[in-house]
C-alpha cells in the first residue's frame, strides 16, 4: 500500500492500528504520522514504532492519504473545524467514534469527503479485533479495500450498512465487557472451590478463547457445539440446566439489545 497514513489522537486504538499496519508491512513506519496534544504519548509511539509525530493537526491532515480521527466523539466538532480546510479532496477520512453518523461528520466538514465510519473493539490491542466499516457514497471500491486491509491487520473486518452500526456496538463494540464478566464469574466459582486465582483466570479465559475459535473455524452452529459437550446425565448438562434456570440467555439478549438501544439514543442527540 503506497499511502501516507495519519492519526489525530494517539490513544490505545490508534496505537493498535499503527502496530497492526507496521507488523503486516502495509506501509513503512516513515509513512505514518501521529498527532496528539500529549508529548509523552507521542514520544512513546515514536520510540515503539519509529513513526513520525507532531502536535500539529494541520500537518497531519494536509499530508495524509488516509486520515484517522481517533479522538473522543465529543471532540469531533472541534477537531474537524480545525482541520477541514487542510484535508485534501482525495484523502480517505476514517472516523472511529460511537454516536457520530456519516451525515453528521460530512456536515461538520462542510464539503464532500471520502469517509469510512468504523466501529472496532478493544481486542484489536492483541490483534484479535472485530471492526465494522460503513463507507459513504464518495468512497471508491479500491479505497474501501485499503481501509479493510488496515483493520484486517488487527483482527477481522466486515462491511456493514450504517443502520446496523448500533447493533454492532451491542454485539461487538461493547461485548468484550460482557465476556470479561463471564470469565471473572467462572474464575470466582473456581476460587470458591479452592483453585488459586491466577490459575482460575487462565483456565476460564482459555476456555472462552478455545470455544470462540471452534465456532469460527468449524462454522458449526453454537448449539451443535454445545451438544457435543453435553453427555446424557453428565456434569455439563447439569451446569447448562442451571444456566437456563438462572436466565442466562435472557440476560445476555437483554444486555445486547439494551446496549443497541442506548447507542441509537446517543446517535439522535
Protein backbone atom coordinates (compact mmCIF):
# COMPACT_ATOMS: atom_id res chain seq x y z
CA UNK A 1 0.00 0.00 0.00
CA UNK A 2 1.76 3.13 -1.20
CA UNK A 3 -0.06 5.53 1.12
CA UNK A 4 0.70 8.01 3.86
CA UNK A 5 -1.38 7.41 6.97
CA UNK A 6 -2.11 9.99 9.64
CA UNK A 7 -3.66 9.78 13.09
CA UNK A 8 -5.23 12.63 15.01
CA UNK A 9 -5.36 11.20 18.51
CA UNK A 10 -2.93 8.51 19.59
CA UNK A 11 -4.76 6.52 22.25
CA UNK A 12 -4.95 2.75 22.64
CA UNK A 13 -6.90 2.14 19.43
CA UNK A 14 -4.65 4.39 17.37
CA UNK A 15 -1.60 2.60 18.74
CA UNK A 16 -3.14 -0.81 17.98
CA UNK A 17 -3.85 0.18 14.37
CA UNK A 18 -0.33 1.58 13.93
CA UNK A 19 1.16 -1.65 15.28
CA UNK A 20 -1.01 -3.81 13.00
CA UNK A 21 -0.23 -1.79 9.89
CA UNK A 22 3.52 -1.95 10.54
CA UNK A 23 3.65 -5.63 11.51
CA UNK A 24 1.64 -6.51 8.38
CA UNK A 25 4.03 -4.46 6.22
CA UNK A 26 1.14 -2.48 4.73
CA UNK A 27 3.18 0.72 4.95
CA UNK A 28 6.58 1.70 6.32
CA UNK A 29 6.78 3.47 9.71
CA UNK A 30 8.15 6.55 7.92
CA UNK A 31 4.82 6.84 6.06
CA UNK A 32 2.87 7.14 9.31
CA UNK A 33 2.41 10.33 11.34
CA UNK A 34 0.52 10.72 14.60
CA UNK A 35 -0.63 13.97 16.17
CA UNK A 36 -1.62 14.40 19.80
CA UNK A 37 -1.67 17.09 22.47
CA UNK A 38 0.28 14.74 24.75
CA UNK A 39 4.01 14.89 24.03
CA UNK A 40 4.51 11.91 26.32
CA UNK A 41 2.12 9.77 24.27
CA UNK A 42 3.84 10.81 21.05
CA UNK A 43 7.29 10.01 22.40
CA UNK A 44 6.06 6.55 23.37
CA UNK A 45 4.73 5.88 19.86
CA UNK A 46 7.90 7.18 18.21
CA UNK A 47 10.09 5.00 20.40
CA UNK A 48 7.93 1.88 19.95
CA UNK A 49 7.16 2.09 16.23
CA UNK A 50 9.61 4.59 14.71
CA UNK A 51 6.81 6.70 13.21
CA UNK A 52 6.68 10.47 12.71
CA UNK A 53 4.97 12.52 15.43
CA UNK A 54 3.75 16.09 15.78
CA UNK A 55 1.43 18.25 17.87
CA UNK A 56 0.21 19.99 14.69
CA UNK A 57 -3.13 18.55 13.49
CA UNK A 58 -2.96 20.64 10.31
CA UNK A 59 0.31 18.99 9.28
CA UNK A 60 -1.14 15.51 9.61
CA UNK A 61 -4.39 16.41 7.85
CA UNK A 62 -2.61 18.05 4.91
CA UNK A 63 -0.14 15.21 4.31
CA UNK A 64 -2.24 12.07 4.80
CA UNK A 65 -3.75 9.88 2.10
CA UNK A 66 -5.67 8.09 4.85
CA UNK A 67 -6.56 10.14 7.93
CA UNK A 68 -7.78 8.53 11.14
CA UNK A 69 -9.85 10.61 13.53
CA UNK A 70 -9.32 8.68 16.75
CA UNK A 71 -10.36 11.30 19.29
CA UNK A 72 -13.33 11.19 21.65
CA UNK A 73 -16.73 11.74 19.95
CA UNK A 74 -17.38 14.99 21.81
CA UNK A 75 -14.13 16.43 20.40
CA UNK A 76 -15.08 15.73 16.76
CA UNK A 77 -16.69 19.14 16.09
CA UNK A 78 -13.63 20.96 17.45
CA UNK A 79 -11.04 18.86 15.58
CA UNK A 80 -12.92 18.79 12.27
CA UNK A 81 -13.43 22.57 12.33
CA UNK A 82 -9.68 22.92 12.88
CA UNK A 83 -8.55 20.62 10.04
CA UNK A 84 -11.29 20.64 7.40
CA UNK A 85 -9.55 23.17 5.16
CA UNK A 86 -6.33 21.14 5.31
CA UNK A 87 -7.87 17.82 4.24
CA UNK A 88 -7.25 17.08 0.55
CA UNK A 89 -10.11 16.16 -1.78
CA UNK A 90 -8.79 12.62 -2.30
CA UNK A 91 -7.99 11.92 1.36
CA UNK A 92 -9.80 8.98 2.94
CA UNK A 93 -11.14 10.00 6.35
CA UNK A 94 -11.63 7.14 8.81
CA UNK A 95 -13.90 8.04 11.71
CA UNK A 96 -13.72 5.96 14.89
CA UNK A 97 -16.46 7.39 17.07
CA UNK A 98 -19.66 5.96 18.51
CA UNK A 99 -22.71 8.17 18.11
CA UNK A 100 -21.31 10.13 15.15
CA UNK A 101 -23.28 9.42 11.98
CA UNK A 102 -21.88 9.68 8.47
CA UNK A 103 -24.23 12.59 7.81
CA UNK A 104 -23.09 14.41 10.96
CA UNK A 105 -19.41 14.06 10.06
CA UNK A 106 -20.00 15.13 6.45
CA UNK A 107 -21.90 18.18 7.70
CA UNK A 108 -19.05 19.13 10.04
CA UNK A 109 -16.57 19.06 7.14
CA UNK A 110 -18.84 21.34 5.07
CA UNK A 111 -17.62 19.70 1.84
CA UNK A 112 -17.66 16.35 0.06
CA UNK A 113 -15.24 13.89 1.66
CA UNK A 114 -14.34 10.24 1.23
CA UNK A 115 -15.42 8.76 4.55
CA UNK A 116 -15.42 5.39 6.28
CA UNK A 117 -17.17 5.13 9.64
CA UNK A 118 -15.65 2.31 11.70
CA UNK A 119 -16.63 0.56 14.91
CA UNK A 120 -13.67 -1.51 16.20
CA UNK A 121 -13.31 -3.16 19.60
CA UNK A 122 -10.59 -3.41 22.23
CA UNK A 123 -9.32 -6.94 21.35
CA UNK A 124 -7.63 -5.09 18.46
CA UNK A 125 -4.96 -4.36 21.08
CA UNK A 126 -3.90 -8.03 20.88
CA UNK A 127 -4.53 -8.47 17.16
CA UNK A 128 -7.96 -10.09 17.57
CA UNK A 129 -10.28 -7.17 16.96
CA UNK A 130 -13.56 -7.13 15.08
CA UNK A 131 -14.32 -4.00 13.06
CA UNK A 132 -17.44 -2.93 11.18
CA UNK A 133 -16.92 -0.49 8.31
CA UNK A 134 -19.58 1.71 6.68
CA UNK A 135 -18.44 3.77 3.67
CA UNK A 136 -20.12 6.91 2.41
CA UNK A 137 -21.09 7.36 -1.24
CA UNK A 138 -17.84 9.11 -2.19
CA UNK A 139 -15.54 6.25 -1.12
CA UNK A 140 -14.45 4.09 -4.05
CA UNK A 141 -14.12 0.29 -4.00
CA UNK A 142 -10.30 0.31 -4.09
CA UNK A 143 -10.23 2.88 -1.30
CA UNK A 144 -12.62 0.76 0.76
CA UNK A 145 -10.33 -2.24 0.27
CA UNK A 146 -7.44 -0.20 1.70
CA UNK A 147 -9.48 0.51 4.84
CA UNK A 148 -10.44 -3.17 5.12
CA UNK A 149 -6.79 -4.19 4.81
CA UNK A 150 -5.83 -1.89 7.67
CA UNK A 151 -8.45 -3.30 10.04
CA UNK A 152 -7.79 -6.88 8.95
CA UNK A 153 -4.23 -6.28 10.16
CA UNK A 154 -5.53 -6.10 13.73
CA UNK A 155 -8.11 -8.89 13.55
CA UNK A 156 -11.12 -9.13 11.26
CA UNK A 157 -13.25 -6.55 9.46
CA UNK A 158 -16.52 -6.58 7.57
CA UNK A 159 -18.52 -4.02 5.61
CA UNK A 160 -21.93 -3.32 7.15
CA UNK A 161 -24.65 -0.80 6.29
CA UNK A 162 -24.66 2.16 8.65
CA UNK A 163 -28.10 1.30 10.04
CA UNK A 164 -26.55 -1.82 11.63
CA UNK A 165 -23.80 0.10 13.44
CA UNK A 166 -25.84 0.30 16.64
CA UNK A 167 -26.25 -3.47 16.56
CA UNK A 168 -22.51 -3.80 16.02
CA UNK A 169 -21.99 -1.72 19.16
CA UNK A 170 -24.17 -4.12 21.15
CA UNK A 171 -22.72 -7.39 19.87
CA UNK A 172 -19.10 -6.41 19.23
CA UNK A 173 -18.05 -2.92 20.29
CA UNK A 174 -19.25 -3.28 23.91
CA UNK A 175 -19.37 -7.06 24.23
CA UNK A 176 -15.79 -7.61 25.45
CA UNK A 177 -17.07 -6.23 28.79
CA UNK A 178 -19.73 -8.95 28.94
CA UNK A 179 -17.16 -11.63 28.16
CA UNK A 180 -14.79 -10.34 30.84
CA UNK A 181 -17.64 -10.56 33.35
CA UNK A 182 -18.27 -14.18 32.31
CA UNK A 183 -14.58 -15.06 32.66
CA UNK A 184 -14.43 -13.37 36.05
CA UNK A 185 -17.56 -15.15 37.27
CA UNK A 186 -16.21 -18.58 36.24
CA UNK A 187 -12.90 -17.79 37.93
CA UNK A 188 -14.68 -16.67 41.11
CA UNK A 189 -16.51 -20.00 41.23
CA UNK A 190 -13.24 -21.89 40.77
CA UNK A 191 -11.59 -19.86 43.53
CA UNK A 192 -14.56 -20.61 45.79
CA UNK A 193 -13.89 -24.29 45.13
CA UNK A 194 -10.20 -23.96 46.03
CA UNK A 195 -8.32 -23.07 42.83
CA UNK A 196 -5.70 -20.29 43.02
CA UNK A 197 -6.88 -17.01 41.45
CA UNK A 198 -4.26 -16.73 38.68
CA UNK A 199 -4.81 -20.33 37.62
CA UNK A 200 -8.58 -19.85 37.63
CA UNK A 201 -8.31 -16.87 35.27
CA UNK A 202 -6.09 -18.82 32.89
CA UNK A 203 -8.43 -21.82 32.77
CA UNK A 204 -11.56 -19.72 32.27
CA UNK A 205 -10.01 -17.34 29.72
CA UNK A 206 -8.51 -20.17 27.66
CA UNK A 207 -11.86 -21.99 27.67
CA UNK A 208 -13.54 -18.89 26.20
CA UNK A 209 -10.75 -18.40 23.65
CA UNK A 210 -10.82 -22.03 22.51
CA UNK A 211 -14.61 -22.15 22.33
CA UNK A 212 -14.76 -18.99 20.22
CA UNK A 213 -12.10 -20.40 17.90
CA UNK A 214 -14.16 -23.56 17.41
CA UNK A 215 -17.21 -21.51 16.36
CA UNK A 216 -15.13 -19.51 13.87
CA UNK A 217 -13.12 -22.39 12.42
CA UNK A 218 -15.66 -25.22 12.32
CA UNK A 219 -18.55 -22.97 11.16
CA UNK A 220 -20.82 -25.23 13.22
CA UNK A 221 -23.88 -23.83 15.00
CA UNK A 222 -23.02 -22.94 18.62
CA UNK A 223 -25.92 -25.12 19.77
CA UNK A 224 -24.39 -28.13 17.99
CA UNK A 225 -21.01 -27.50 19.62
CA UNK A 226 -22.72 -27.18 23.00
CA UNK A 227 -24.50 -30.51 22.46
CA UNK A 228 -21.15 -32.17 21.72
CA UNK A 229 -20.04 -31.41 25.28
CA UNK A 230 -23.29 -32.45 26.98
CA UNK A 231 -23.22 -36.19 27.77
CA UNK A 232 -26.52 -37.73 28.95
CA UNK A 233 -26.86 -37.37 32.70
CA UNK A 234 -23.42 -35.72 32.89
CA UNK A 235 -21.84 -32.75 34.58
CA UNK A 236 -22.10 -30.35 31.62
CA UNK A 237 -25.83 -30.76 31.01
CA UNK A 238 -26.39 -30.22 34.74
CA UNK A 239 -24.50 -26.93 34.52
CA UNK A 240 -26.36 -25.94 31.32
CA UNK A 241 -29.70 -26.58 33.02
CA UNK A 242 -28.65 -24.35 35.90
CA UNK A 243 -27.67 -21.56 33.49
CA UNK A 244 -31.06 -21.87 31.78
CA UNK A 245 -32.78 -21.85 35.16
CA UNK A 246 -30.95 -18.65 36.14
CA UNK A 247 -31.90 -16.95 32.88
CA UNK A 248 -28.50 -16.65 31.24
CA UNK A 249 -29.83 -16.43 27.67
CA UNK A 250 -32.44 -13.85 28.59
CA UNK A 251 -29.86 -11.74 30.45
CA UNK A 252 -27.42 -11.76 27.52
CA UNK A 253 -30.09 -10.98 24.92
CA UNK A 254 -31.43 -8.17 27.11
CA UNK A 255 -27.94 -6.74 27.63
CA UNK A 256 -27.11 -6.68 23.90
CA UNK A 257 -30.45 -5.10 22.98
CA UNK A 258 -30.17 -2.53 25.80
CA UNK A 259 -26.71 -1.57 24.55
CA UNK A 260 -28.02 -1.31 20.97
CA UNK A 261 -30.92 0.90 22.01
CA UNK A 262 -28.59 3.14 24.06
CA UNK A 263 -26.33 3.55 21.02
CA UNK A 264 -29.34 4.59 18.91
CA UNK A 265 -30.36 7.14 21.53
CA UNK A 266 -26.85 8.61 21.64
CA UNK A 267 -26.85 8.96 17.86
CA UNK A 268 -30.04 11.06 17.96
CA UNK A 269 -28.56 13.69 20.29
